[in-house]
All heavy atoms as atom14 arrays in JSON, in Angstrom:
{
  "sequence": "EILHGANIEGFWIEVVRGHYHMGFLYRIVGLYLLVPFFVKIVESRAL",
  "atom14_mask": [
    [1, 1, 1, 1, 1, 1, 1, 1, 1, 0, 0, 0, 0, 0],
    [1, 1, 1, 1, 1, 1, 1, 1, 0, 0, 0, 0, 0, 0],
    [1, 1, 1, 1, 1, 1, 1, 1, 0, 0, 0, 0, 0, 0],
    [1, 1, 1, 1, 1, 1, 1, 1, 1, 1, 0, 0, 0, 0],
    [1, 1, 1, 1, 0, 0, 0, 0, 0, 0, 0, 0, 0, 0],
    [1, 1, 1, 1, 1, 0, 0, 0, 0, 0, 0, 0, 0, 0],
    [1, 1, 1, 1, 1, 1, 1, 1, 0, 0, 0, 0, 0, 0],
    [1, 1, 1, 1, 1, 1, 1, 1, 0, 0, 0, 0, 0, 0],
    [1, 1, 1, 1, 1, 1, 1, 1, 1, 0, 0, 0, 0, 0],
    [1, 1, 1, 1, 0, 0, 0, 0, 0, 0, 0, 0, 0, 0],
    [1, 1, 1, 1, 1, 1, 1, 1, 1, 1, 1, 0, 0, 0],
    [1, 1, 1, 1, 1, 1, 1, 1, 1, 1, 1, 1, 1, 1],
    [1, 1, 1, 1, 1, 1, 1, 1, 0, 0, 0, 0, 0, 0],
    [1, 1, 1, 1, 1, 1, 1, 1, 1, 0, 0, 0, 0, 0],
    [1, 1, 1, 1, 1, 1, 1, 0, 0, 0, 0, 0, 0, 0],
    [1, 1, 1, 1, 1, 1, 1, 0, 0, 0, 0, 0, 0, 0],
    [1, 1, 1, 1, 1, 1, 1, 1, 1, 1, 1, 0, 0, 0],
    [1, 1, 1, 1, 0, 0, 0, 0, 0, 0, 0, 0, 0, 0],
    [1, 1, 1, 1, 1, 1, 1, 1, 1, 1, 0, 0, 0, 0],
    [1, 1, 1, 1, 1, 1, 1, 1, 1, 1, 1, 1, 0, 0],
    [1, 1, 1, 1, 1, 1, 1, 1, 1, 1, 0, 0, 0, 0],
    [1, 1, 1, 1, 1, 1, 1, 1, 0, 0, 0, 0, 0, 0],
    [1, 1, 1, 1, 0, 0, 0, 0, 0, 0, 0, 0, 0, 0],
    [1, 1, 1, 1, 1, 1, 1, 1, 1, 1, 1, 0, 0, 0],
    [1, 1, 1, 1, 1, 1, 1, 1, 0, 0, 0, 0, 0, 0],
    [1, 1, 1, 1, 1, 1, 1, 1, 1, 1, 1, 1, 0, 0],
    [1, 1, 1, 1, 1, 1, 1, 1, 1, 1, 1, 0, 0, 0],
    [1, 1, 1, 1, 1, 1, 1, 1, 0, 0, 0, 0, 0, 0],
    [1, 1, 1, 1, 1, 1, 1, 0, 0, 0, 0, 0, 0, 0],
    [1, 1, 1, 1, 0, 0, 0, 0, 0, 0, 0, 0, 0, 0],
    [1, 1, 1, 1, 1, 1, 1, 1, 0, 0, 0, 0, 0, 0],
    [1, 1, 1, 1, 1, 1, 1, 1, 1, 1, 1, 1, 0, 0],
    [1, 1, 1, 1, 1, 1, 1, 1, 0, 0, 0, 0, 0, 0],
    [1, 1, 1, 1, 1, 1, 1, 1, 0, 0, 0, 0, 0, 0],
    [1, 1, 1, 1, 1, 1, 1, 0, 0, 0, 0, 0, 0, 0],
    [1, 1, 1, 1, 1, 1, 1, 0, 0, 0, 0, 0, 0, 0],
    [1, 1, 1, 1, 1, 1, 1, 1, 1, 1, 1, 0, 0, 0],
    [1, 1, 1, 1, 1, 1, 1, 1, 1, 1, 1, 0, 0, 0],
    [1, 1, 1, 1, 1, 1, 1, 0, 0, 0, 0, 0, 0, 0],
    [1, 1, 1, 1, 1, 1, 1, 1, 1, 0, 0, 0, 0, 0],
    [1, 1, 1, 1, 1, 1, 1, 1, 0, 0, 0, 0, 0, 0],
    [1, 1, 1, 1, 1, 1, 1, 0, 0, 0, 0, 0, 0, 0],
    [1, 1, 1, 1, 1, 1, 1, 1, 1, 0, 0, 0, 0, 0],
    [1, 1, 1, 1, 1, 1, 0, 0, 0, 0, 0, 0, 0, 0],
    [1, 1, 1, 1, 1, 1, 1, 1, 1, 1, 1, 0, 0, 0],
    [1, 1, 1, 1, 1, 0, 0, 0, 0, 0, 0, 0, 0, 0],
    [1, 1, 1, 1, 1, 1, 1, 1, 0, 0, 0, 0, 0, 0]
  ],
  "atom14_positions": [
    [[4.72, -16.41, -8.36], [5.84, -16.64, -7.39], [6.54, -18.02, -7.75], [7.81, -18.04, -7.61], [5.16, -16.72, -5.98], [4.74, -15.45, -5.4], [5.93, -14.5, -5.19], [6.99, -14.92, -4.73], [5.8, -13.29, -5.55], [0.0, 0.0, 0.0], [0.0, 0.0, 0.0], [0.0, 0.0, 0.0], [0.0, 0.0, 0.0], [0.0, 0.0, 0.0]],
    [[5.82, -19.0, -8.13], [6.44, -20.25, -8.58], [7.33, -20.1, -9.75], [8.4, -20.59, -9.88], [5.31, -21.28, -8.81], [4.63, -21.75, -7.54], [5.86, -22.55, -9.54], [3.43, -22.68, -7.67], [0.0, 0.0, 0.0], [0.0, 0.0, 0.0], [0.0, 0.0, 0.0], [0.0, 0.0, 0.0], [0.0, 0.0, 0.0], [0.0, 0.0, 0.0]],
    [[6.84, -19.28, -10.77], [7.7, -19.02, -11.92], [8.98, -18.32, -11.57], [9.95, -18.52, -12.24], [6.88, -18.16, -12.97], [5.71, -18.82, -13.64], [4.96, -17.82, -14.47], [6.19, -19.97, -14.52], [0.0, 0.0, 0.0], [0.0, 0.0, 0.0], [0.0, 0.0, 0.0], [0.0, 0.0, 0.0], [0.0, 0.0, 0.0], [0.0, 0.0, 0.0]],
    [[8.95, -17.67, -10.47], [10.2, -16.94, -10.02], [10.95, -17.78, -8.99], [11.87, -17.26, -8.29], [9.82, -15.55, -9.39], [9.49, -14.53, -10.43], [10.33, -14.16, -11.43], [8.35, -13.9, -10.71], [9.8, -13.26, -12.2], [8.51, -13.09, -11.78], [0.0, 0.0, 0.0], [0.0, 0.0, 0.0], [0.0, 0.0, 0.0], [0.0, 0.0, 0.0]],
    [[10.57, -19.07, -8.82], [11.42, -19.98, -8.01], [10.81, -20.36, -6.7], [11.5, -20.98, -5.89], [0.0, 0.0, 0.0], [0.0, 0.0, 0.0], [0.0, 0.0, 0.0], [0.0, 0.0, 0.0], [0.0, 0.0, 0.0], [0.0, 0.0, 0.0], [0.0, 0.0, 0.0], [0.0, 0.0, 0.0], [0.0, 0.0, 0.0], [0.0, 0.0, 0.0]],
    [[9.66, -19.92, -6.34], [9.06, -20.31, -5.06], [8.73, -21.81, -5.01], [8.56, -22.47, -6.01], [7.75, -19.51, -4.84], [0.0, 0.0, 0.0], [0.0, 0.0, 0.0], [0.0, 0.0, 0.0], [0.0, 0.0, 0.0], [0.0, 0.0, 0.0], [0.0, 0.0, 0.0], [0.0, 0.0, 0.0], [0.0, 0.0, 0.0], [0.0, 0.0, 0.0]],
    [[8.63, -22.3, -3.81], [8.38, -23.72, -3.55], [6.94, -24.09, -3.95], [6.07, -23.55, -3.4], [8.68, -24.06, -2.06], [8.69, -25.59, -1.86], [8.22, -26.3, -2.69], [9.26, -25.94, -0.78], [0.0, 0.0, 0.0], [0.0, 0.0, 0.0], [0.0, 0.0, 0.0], [0.0, 0.0, 0.0], [0.0, 0.0, 0.0], [0.0, 0.0, 0.0]],
    [[6.82, -25.05, -4.88], [5.5, -25.36, -5.3], [4.63, -26.05, -4.22], [3.41, -26.01, -4.2], [5.52, -26.34, -6.53], [4.18, -26.38, -7.25], [6.07, -27.76, -6.19], [4.21, -27.03, -8.61], [0.0, 0.0, 0.0], [0.0, 0.0, 0.0], [0.0, 0.0, 0.0], [0.0, 0.0, 0.0], [0.0, 0.0, 0.0], [0.0, 0.0, 0.0]],
    [[5.33, -26.61, -3.23], [4.63, -27.29, -2.12], [3.76, -26.29, -1.29], [2.86, -26.77, -0.62], [5.6, -28.06, -1.23], [6.3, -29.22, -1.94], [7.29, -29.9, -1.0], [7.5, -29.43, 0.16], [7.99, -30.87, -1.55], [0.0, 0.0, 0.0], [0.0, 0.0, 0.0], [0.0, 0.0, 0.0], [0.0, 0.0, 0.0], [0.0, 0.0, 0.0]],
    [[4.18, -25.08, -1.3], [3.45, -24.09, -0.46], [2.45, -23.32, -1.31], [1.87, -22.32, -0.81], [0.0, 0.0, 0.0], [0.0, 0.0, 0.0], [0.0, 0.0, 0.0], [0.0, 0.0, 0.0], [0.0, 0.0, 0.0], [0.0, 0.0, 0.0], [0.0, 0.0, 0.0], [0.0, 0.0, 0.0], [0.0, 0.0, 0.0], [0.0, 0.0, 0.0]],
    [[2.12, -23.88, -2.46], [1.25, -23.12, -3.42], [-0.13, -22.85, -2.79], [-0.56, -21.69, -2.75], [1.01, -23.99, -4.68], [-0.01, -23.34, -5.62], [0.36, -22.33, -6.47], [-1.23, -23.89, -5.76], [-0.56, -21.79, -7.34], [-2.18, -23.38, -6.67], [-1.8, -22.33, -7.41], [0.0, 0.0, 0.0], [0.0, 0.0, 0.0], [0.0, 0.0, 0.0]],
    [[-0.83, -23.81, -2.26], [-2.18, -23.62, -1.75], [-2.23, -22.83, -0.41], [-3.17, -22.14, -0.14], [-2.87, -24.99, -1.5], [-3.25, -25.63, -2.83], [-2.71, -26.74, -3.38], [-4.14, -25.12, -3.83], [-3.21, -27.04, -4.66], [-4.12, -26.03, -4.91], [-5.01, -24.02, -3.85], [-4.93, -25.86, -6.0], [-5.75, -23.84, -4.95], [-5.76, -24.78, -6.1]],
    [[-1.08, -22.91, 0.32], [-1.04, -22.05, 1.45], [-1.04, -20.58, 1.08], [-1.71, -19.72, 1.64], [0.19, -22.39, 2.32], [0.05, -23.81, 2.91], [0.41, -21.37, 3.49], [1.29, -24.28, 3.66], [0.0, 0.0, 0.0], [0.0, 0.0, 0.0], [0.0, 0.0, 0.0], [0.0, 0.0, 0.0], [0.0, 0.0, 0.0], [0.0, 0.0, 0.0]],
    [[-0.2, -20.3, 0.01], [-0.09, -18.96, -0.49], [-1.41, -18.51, -1.13], [-1.79, -17.29, -0.97], [1.07, -18.83, -1.58], [2.39, -18.98, -0.93], [2.72, -18.0, 0.15], [2.37, -16.78, -0.04], [3.14, -18.43, 1.24], [0.0, 0.0, 0.0], [0.0, 0.0, 0.0], [0.0, 0.0, 0.0], [0.0, 0.0, 0.0], [0.0, 0.0, 0.0]],
    [[-2.15, -19.4, -1.74], [-3.43, -19.04, -2.3], [-4.42, -18.65, -1.21], [-5.12, -17.64, -1.31], [-4.02, -20.28, -3.15], [-5.48, -20.01, -3.5], [-3.19, -20.5, -4.39], [0.0, 0.0, 0.0], [0.0, 0.0, 0.0], [0.0, 0.0, 0.0], [0.0, 0.0, 0.0], [0.0, 0.0, 0.0], [0.0, 0.0, 0.0], [0.0, 0.0, 0.0]],
    [[-4.45, -19.42, -0.16], [-5.39, -19.07, 0.97], [-4.97, -17.8, 1.64], [-5.86, -16.93, 1.94], [-5.43, -20.24, 1.91], [-6.28, -19.82, 3.21], [-6.01, -21.47, 1.35], [0.0, 0.0, 0.0], [0.0, 0.0, 0.0], [0.0, 0.0, 0.0], [0.0, 0.0, 0.0], [0.0, 0.0, 0.0], [0.0, 0.0, 0.0], [0.0, 0.0, 0.0]],
    [[-3.76, -17.55, 1.89], [-3.28, -16.32, 2.47], [-3.46, -15.1, 1.58], [-3.8, -14.06, 2.01], [-1.73, -16.44, 2.79], [-1.44, -17.38, 3.96], [0.04, -17.4, 4.22], [0.39, -18.24, 5.43], [1.65, -18.59, 5.7], [2.64, -18.18, 4.92], [1.84, -19.28, 6.74], [0.0, 0.0, 0.0], [0.0, 0.0, 0.0], [0.0, 0.0, 0.0]],
    [[-3.27, -15.35, 0.24], [-3.28, -14.27, -0.68], [-1.97, -13.45, -0.63], [-1.2, -13.53, 0.34], [0.0, 0.0, 0.0], [0.0, 0.0, 0.0], [0.0, 0.0, 0.0], [0.0, 0.0, 0.0], [0.0, 0.0, 0.0], [0.0, 0.0, 0.0], [0.0, 0.0, 0.0], [0.0, 0.0, 0.0], [0.0, 0.0, 0.0], [0.0, 0.0, 0.0]],
    [[-1.72, -12.67, -1.69], [-0.65, -11.74, -1.7], [-0.82, -10.74, -0.59], [-1.96, -10.51, -0.14], [-0.57, -11.09, -3.04], [0.79, -10.48, -3.34], [1.1, -9.18, -3.01], [1.86, -11.01, -3.97], [2.37, -8.93, -3.41], [2.83, -10.06, -3.98], [0.0, 0.0, 0.0], [0.0, 0.0, 0.0], [0.0, 0.0, 0.0], [0.0, 0.0, 0.0]],
    [[0.26, -10.18, -0.07], [0.14, -9.39, 1.16], [-0.92, -8.22, 1.1], [-1.53, -7.95, 2.11], [1.51, -8.86, 1.64], [2.08, -7.77, 0.8], [1.79, -6.44, 0.97], [3.05, -8.04, -0.24], [2.4, -5.45, 0.19], [3.58, -7.1, -1.03], [3.23, -5.7, -0.79], [3.84, -4.74, -1.57], [0.0, 0.0, 0.0], [0.0, 0.0, 0.0]],
    [[-1.1, -7.6, -0.01], [-2.08, -6.55, -0.05], [-3.52, -7.07, -0.09], [-4.45, -6.25, 0.18], [-1.83, -5.7, -1.34], [-2.24, -6.32, -2.67], [-1.66, -7.56, -3.09], [-3.09, -5.98, -3.6], [-2.17, -7.85, -4.25], [-3.05, -6.93, -4.57], [0.0, 0.0, 0.0], [0.0, 0.0, 0.0], [0.0, 0.0, 0.0], [0.0, 0.0, 0.0]],
    [[-3.7, -8.33, -0.3], [-5.02, -8.9, -0.4], [-5.64, -9.23, 1.0], [-6.79, -9.64, 1.1], [-5.02, -10.1, -1.31], [-4.82, -9.7, -2.73], [-4.53, -11.07, -3.86], [-6.15, -11.84, -3.84], [0.0, 0.0, 0.0], [0.0, 0.0, 0.0], [0.0, 0.0, 0.0], [0.0, 0.0, 0.0], [0.0, 0.0, 0.0], [0.0, 0.0, 0.0]],
    [[-4.8, -9.14, 2.04], [-5.38, -9.31, 3.36], [-6.48, -8.31, 3.7], [-7.32, -8.59, 4.46], [0.0, 0.0, 0.0], [0.0, 0.0, 0.0], [0.0, 0.0, 0.0], [0.0, 0.0, 0.0], [0.0, 0.0, 0.0], [0.0, 0.0, 0.0], [0.0, 0.0, 0.0], [0.0, 0.0, 0.0], [0.0, 0.0, 0.0], [0.0, 0.0, 0.0]],
    [[-6.4, -7.22, 2.97], [-7.41, -6.19, 3.11], [-8.84, -6.71, 2.77], [-9.91, -6.31, 3.34], [-7.15, -4.94, 2.24], [-8.22, -3.93, 2.19], [-8.41, -3.09, 3.3], [-9.01, -3.71, 1.05], [-9.44, -2.1, 3.32], [-9.97, -2.73, 1.07], [-10.19, -1.95, 2.19], [0.0, 0.0, 0.0], [0.0, 0.0, 0.0], [0.0, 0.0, 0.0]],
    [[-8.85, -7.69, 1.77], [-10.13, -8.23, 1.38], [-10.77, -9.07, 2.44], [-11.99, -9.07, 2.65], [-9.99, -9.1, 0.1], [-9.39, -8.4, -1.06], [-9.46, -9.2, -2.34], [-10.2, -7.01, -1.37], [0.0, 0.0, 0.0], [0.0, 0.0, 0.0], [0.0, 0.0, 0.0], [0.0, 0.0, 0.0], [0.0, 0.0, 0.0], [0.0, 0.0, 0.0]],
    [[-9.98, -9.74, 3.3], [-10.49, -10.57, 4.42], [-11.17, -9.6, 5.38], [-12.26, -9.86, 5.94], [-9.37, -11.29, 5.15], [-9.05, -12.65, 4.54], [-7.78, -12.87, 3.87], [-9.94, -13.7, 4.6], [-7.44, -14.11, 3.41], [-9.59, -14.96, 4.12], [-8.34, -15.14, 3.51], [-8.07, -16.4, 3.01], [0.0, 0.0, 0.0], [0.0, 0.0, 0.0]],
    [[-10.49, -8.49, 5.63], [-10.97, -7.53, 6.65], [-12.28, -6.82, 6.14], [-13.18, -6.58, 6.93], [-9.86, -6.47, 6.88], [-8.59, -7.08, 7.54], [-7.37, -6.27, 7.33], [-7.37, -5.11, 8.11], [-6.46, -4.15, 8.0], [-5.55, -4.18, 7.02], [-6.46, -3.09, 8.72], [0.0, 0.0, 0.0], [0.0, 0.0, 0.0], [0.0, 0.0, 0.0]],
    [[-12.32, -6.58, 4.82], [-13.46, -5.82, 4.32], [-14.74, -6.75, 4.3], [-15.86, -6.32, 4.56], [-13.2, -5.23, 2.97], [-14.09, -3.93, 2.68], [-13.41, -6.18, 1.84], [-13.63, -2.8, 3.43], [0.0, 0.0, 0.0], [0.0, 0.0, 0.0], [0.0, 0.0, 0.0], [0.0, 0.0, 0.0], [0.0, 0.0, 0.0], [0.0, 0.0, 0.0]],
    [[-14.48, -7.98, 4.03], [-15.6, -9.01, 4.07], [-16.18, -9.11, 5.49], [-17.38, -9.11, 5.73], [-15.26, -10.44, 3.55], [-16.14, -11.47, 3.96], [-14.98, -10.39, 2.01], [0.0, 0.0, 0.0], [0.0, 0.0, 0.0], [0.0, 0.0, 0.0], [0.0, 0.0, 0.0], [0.0, 0.0, 0.0], [0.0, 0.0, 0.0], [0.0, 0.0, 0.0]],
    [[-15.21, -9.11, 6.45], [-15.71, -9.14, 7.88], [-16.55, -7.9, 8.22], [-17.55, -8.01, 8.9], [0.0, 0.0, 0.0], [0.0, 0.0, 0.0], [0.0, 0.0, 0.0], [0.0, 0.0, 0.0], [0.0, 0.0, 0.0], [0.0, 0.0, 0.0], [0.0, 0.0, 0.0], [0.0, 0.0, 0.0], [0.0, 0.0, 0.0], [0.0, 0.0, 0.0]],
    [[-16.2, -6.73, 7.64], [-17.04, -5.55, 7.85], [-18.42, -5.75, 7.21], [-19.45, -5.31, 7.82], [-16.32, -4.32, 7.26], [-15.13, -3.82, 8.03], [-14.5, -2.63, 7.28], [-15.47, -3.39, 9.46], [0.0, 0.0, 0.0], [0.0, 0.0, 0.0], [0.0, 0.0, 0.0], [0.0, 0.0, 0.0], [0.0, 0.0, 0.0], [0.0, 0.0, 0.0]],
    [[-18.44, -6.25, 6.0], [-19.7, -6.34, 5.27], [-20.58, -7.31, 6.0], [-21.85, -7.05, 6.1], [-19.49, -6.96, 3.84], [-18.79, -6.05, 2.89], [-18.33, -6.42, 1.67], [-18.53, -4.67, 3.23], [-17.66, -5.64, 0.84], [-17.89, -3.81, 2.4], [-17.41, -4.27, 1.08], [-16.78, -3.49, 0.29], [0.0, 0.0, 0.0], [0.0, 0.0, 0.0]],
    [[-20.15, -8.3, 6.67], [-20.95, -9.25, 7.41], [-21.57, -8.6, 8.65], [-22.67, -9.06, 9.13], [-20.12, -10.44, 7.88], [-19.61, -11.44, 6.74], [-18.67, -12.42, 7.35], [-20.81, -12.09, 6.06], [0.0, 0.0, 0.0], [0.0, 0.0, 0.0], [0.0, 0.0, 0.0], [0.0, 0.0, 0.0], [0.0, 0.0, 0.0], [0.0, 0.0, 0.0]],
    [[-20.94, -7.52, 9.14], [-21.42, -6.82, 10.31], [-22.29, -5.62, 9.96], [-22.81, -4.93, 10.89], [-20.24, -6.32, 11.15], [-19.41, -7.35, 11.91], [-18.24, -6.81, 12.52], [-20.28, -8.11, 12.96], [0.0, 0.0, 0.0], [0.0, 0.0, 0.0], [0.0, 0.0, 0.0], [0.0, 0.0, 0.0], [0.0, 0.0, 0.0], [0.0, 0.0, 0.0]],
    [[-22.51, -5.36, 8.7], [-23.3, -4.24, 8.24], [-24.7, -4.11, 8.85], [-25.13, -3.05, 9.33], [-23.38, -4.2, 6.67], [-24.57, -3.26, 6.28], [-22.1, -3.67, 6.07], [0.0, 0.0, 0.0], [0.0, 0.0, 0.0], [0.0, 0.0, 0.0], [0.0, 0.0, 0.0], [0.0, 0.0, 0.0], [0.0, 0.0, 0.0], [0.0, 0.0, 0.0]],
    [[-25.43, -5.22, 9.01], [-26.77, -5.13, 9.58], [-26.69, -4.56, 11.03], [-27.64, -3.88, 11.46], [-27.25, -6.57, 9.64], [-26.57, -7.16, 8.47], [-25.2, -6.64, 8.43], [0.0, 0.0, 0.0], [0.0, 0.0, 0.0], [0.0, 0.0, 0.0], [0.0, 0.0, 0.0], [0.0, 0.0, 0.0], [0.0, 0.0, 0.0], [0.0, 0.0, 0.0]],
    [[-25.59, -4.88, 11.8], [-25.48, -4.41, 13.14], [-25.1, -2.82, 13.05], [-25.59, -2.05, 13.82], [-24.36, -5.11, 13.91], [-24.71, -6.58, 14.13], [-24.06, -7.51, 13.28], [-25.6, -6.99, 15.06], [-24.41, -8.86, 13.49], [-25.9, -8.32, 15.29], [-25.38, -9.29, 14.47], [0.0, 0.0, 0.0], [0.0, 0.0, 0.0], [0.0, 0.0, 0.0]],
    [[-24.16, -2.52, 12.15], [-23.77, -1.06, 12.04], [-24.89, -0.25, 11.66], [-25.05, 0.94, 12.03], [-22.61, -1.03, 11.06], [-21.31, -1.62, 11.53], [-20.58, -2.4, 10.57], [-20.89, -1.56, 12.82], [-19.39, -2.96, 10.97], [-19.74, -2.15, 13.19], [-18.97, -2.84, 12.26], [0.0, 0.0, 0.0], [0.0, 0.0, 0.0], [0.0, 0.0, 0.0]],
    [[-25.78, -0.77, 10.79], [-26.92, 0.07, 10.29], [-27.8, 0.49, 11.51], [-28.31, 1.62, 11.58], [-27.77, -0.75, 9.29], [-29.2, -0.1, 9.1], [-27.02, -0.86, 7.95], [0.0, 0.0, 0.0], [0.0, 0.0, 0.0], [0.0, 0.0, 0.0], [0.0, 0.0, 0.0], [0.0, 0.0, 0.0], [0.0, 0.0, 0.0], [0.0, 0.0, 0.0]],
    [[-28.01, -0.46, 12.43], [-28.8, -0.15, 13.57], [-28.1, 0.92, 14.52], [-28.78, 1.82, 15.06], [-29.07, -1.34, 14.45], [-29.99, -2.43, 13.71], [-31.34, -1.8, 13.45], [-32.27, -2.75, 12.76], [-33.61, -2.16, 12.45], [0.0, 0.0, 0.0], [0.0, 0.0, 0.0], [0.0, 0.0, 0.0], [0.0, 0.0, 0.0], [0.0, 0.0, 0.0]],
    [[-26.81, 0.83, 14.55], [-26.02, 1.77, 15.39], [-26.16, 3.2, 14.72], [-26.4, 4.2, 15.44], [-24.53, 1.39, 15.39], [-24.43, 0.14, 16.36], [-23.7, 2.46, 16.02], [-23.09, -0.49, 16.35], [0.0, 0.0, 0.0], [0.0, 0.0, 0.0], [0.0, 0.0, 0.0], [0.0, 0.0, 0.0], [0.0, 0.0, 0.0], [0.0, 0.0, 0.0]],
    [[-25.96, 3.27, 13.44], [-25.94, 4.69, 12.81], [-27.31, 5.29, 12.67], [-27.43, 6.48, 12.31], [-25.18, 4.68, 11.48], [-23.77, 4.21, 11.62], [-25.97, 3.8, 10.43], [0.0, 0.0, 0.0], [0.0, 0.0, 0.0], [0.0, 0.0, 0.0], [0.0, 0.0, 0.0], [0.0, 0.0, 0.0], [0.0, 0.0, 0.0], [0.0, 0.0, 0.0]],
    [[-28.32, 4.54, 12.99], [-29.68, 5.16, 12.95], [-29.83, 6.18, 14.11], [-30.69, 7.04, 14.12], [-30.79, 4.08, 13.12], [-31.0, 3.28, 11.91], [-32.01, 2.16, 12.02], [-32.45, 1.98, 13.2], [-32.35, 1.52, 11.06], [0.0, 0.0, 0.0], [0.0, 0.0, 0.0], [0.0, 0.0, 0.0], [0.0, 0.0, 0.0], [0.0, 0.0, 0.0]],
    [[-29.03, 6.05, 15.14], [-28.98, 7.0, 16.21], [-27.77, 7.78, 16.27], [-26.65, 7.2, 16.32], [-29.23, 6.22, 17.57], [-28.85, 7.02, 18.63], [0.0, 0.0, 0.0], [0.0, 0.0, 0.0], [0.0, 0.0, 0.0], [0.0, 0.0, 0.0], [0.0, 0.0, 0.0], [0.0, 0.0, 0.0], [0.0, 0.0, 0.0], [0.0, 0.0, 0.0]],
    [[-27.84, 9.04, 16.27], [-26.61, 9.96, 16.36], [-25.85, 9.66, 17.66], [-24.66, 9.58, 17.7], [-27.02, 11.35, 16.25], [-25.75, 12.3, 16.25], [-26.13, 13.69, 15.86], [-24.96, 14.57, 15.77], [-25.05, 15.8, 15.3], [-26.19, 16.34, 14.94], [-23.92, 16.53, 15.21], [0.0, 0.0, 0.0], [0.0, 0.0, 0.0], [0.0, 0.0, 0.0]],
    [[-26.6, 9.56, 18.8], [-25.98, 9.35, 20.06], [-25.31, 7.98, 20.18], [-24.18, 7.93, 20.68], [-27.1, 9.4, 21.2], [0.0, 0.0, 0.0], [0.0, 0.0, 0.0], [0.0, 0.0, 0.0], [0.0, 0.0, 0.0], [0.0, 0.0, 0.0], [0.0, 0.0, 0.0], [0.0, 0.0, 0.0], [0.0, 0.0, 0.0], [0.0, 0.0, 0.0]],
    [[-25.89, 6.97, 19.58], [-25.26, 5.68, 19.61], [-24.03, 5.57, 18.7], [-23.09, 5.03, 19.0], [-26.34, 4.58, 19.15], [-25.95, 3.15, 19.39], [-25.71, 2.92, 20.87], [-27.1, 2.21, 18.91], [0.0, 0.0, 0.0], [0.0, 0.0, 0.0], [0.0, 0.0, 0.0], [0.0, 0.0, 0.0], [0.0, 0.0, 0.0], [0.0, 0.0, 0.0]]
  ]
}
């Protein structure tokens, strides 16, 4: 983005945010952290 003229001052903000499609990775990590809870839920069909 900087090579194409983006402001270098916002570099680290863009790094933390990630490119727009990489927001999915934040969401998937959140799911992985909850796996131990989900495992208990899926042990029961009713639950």
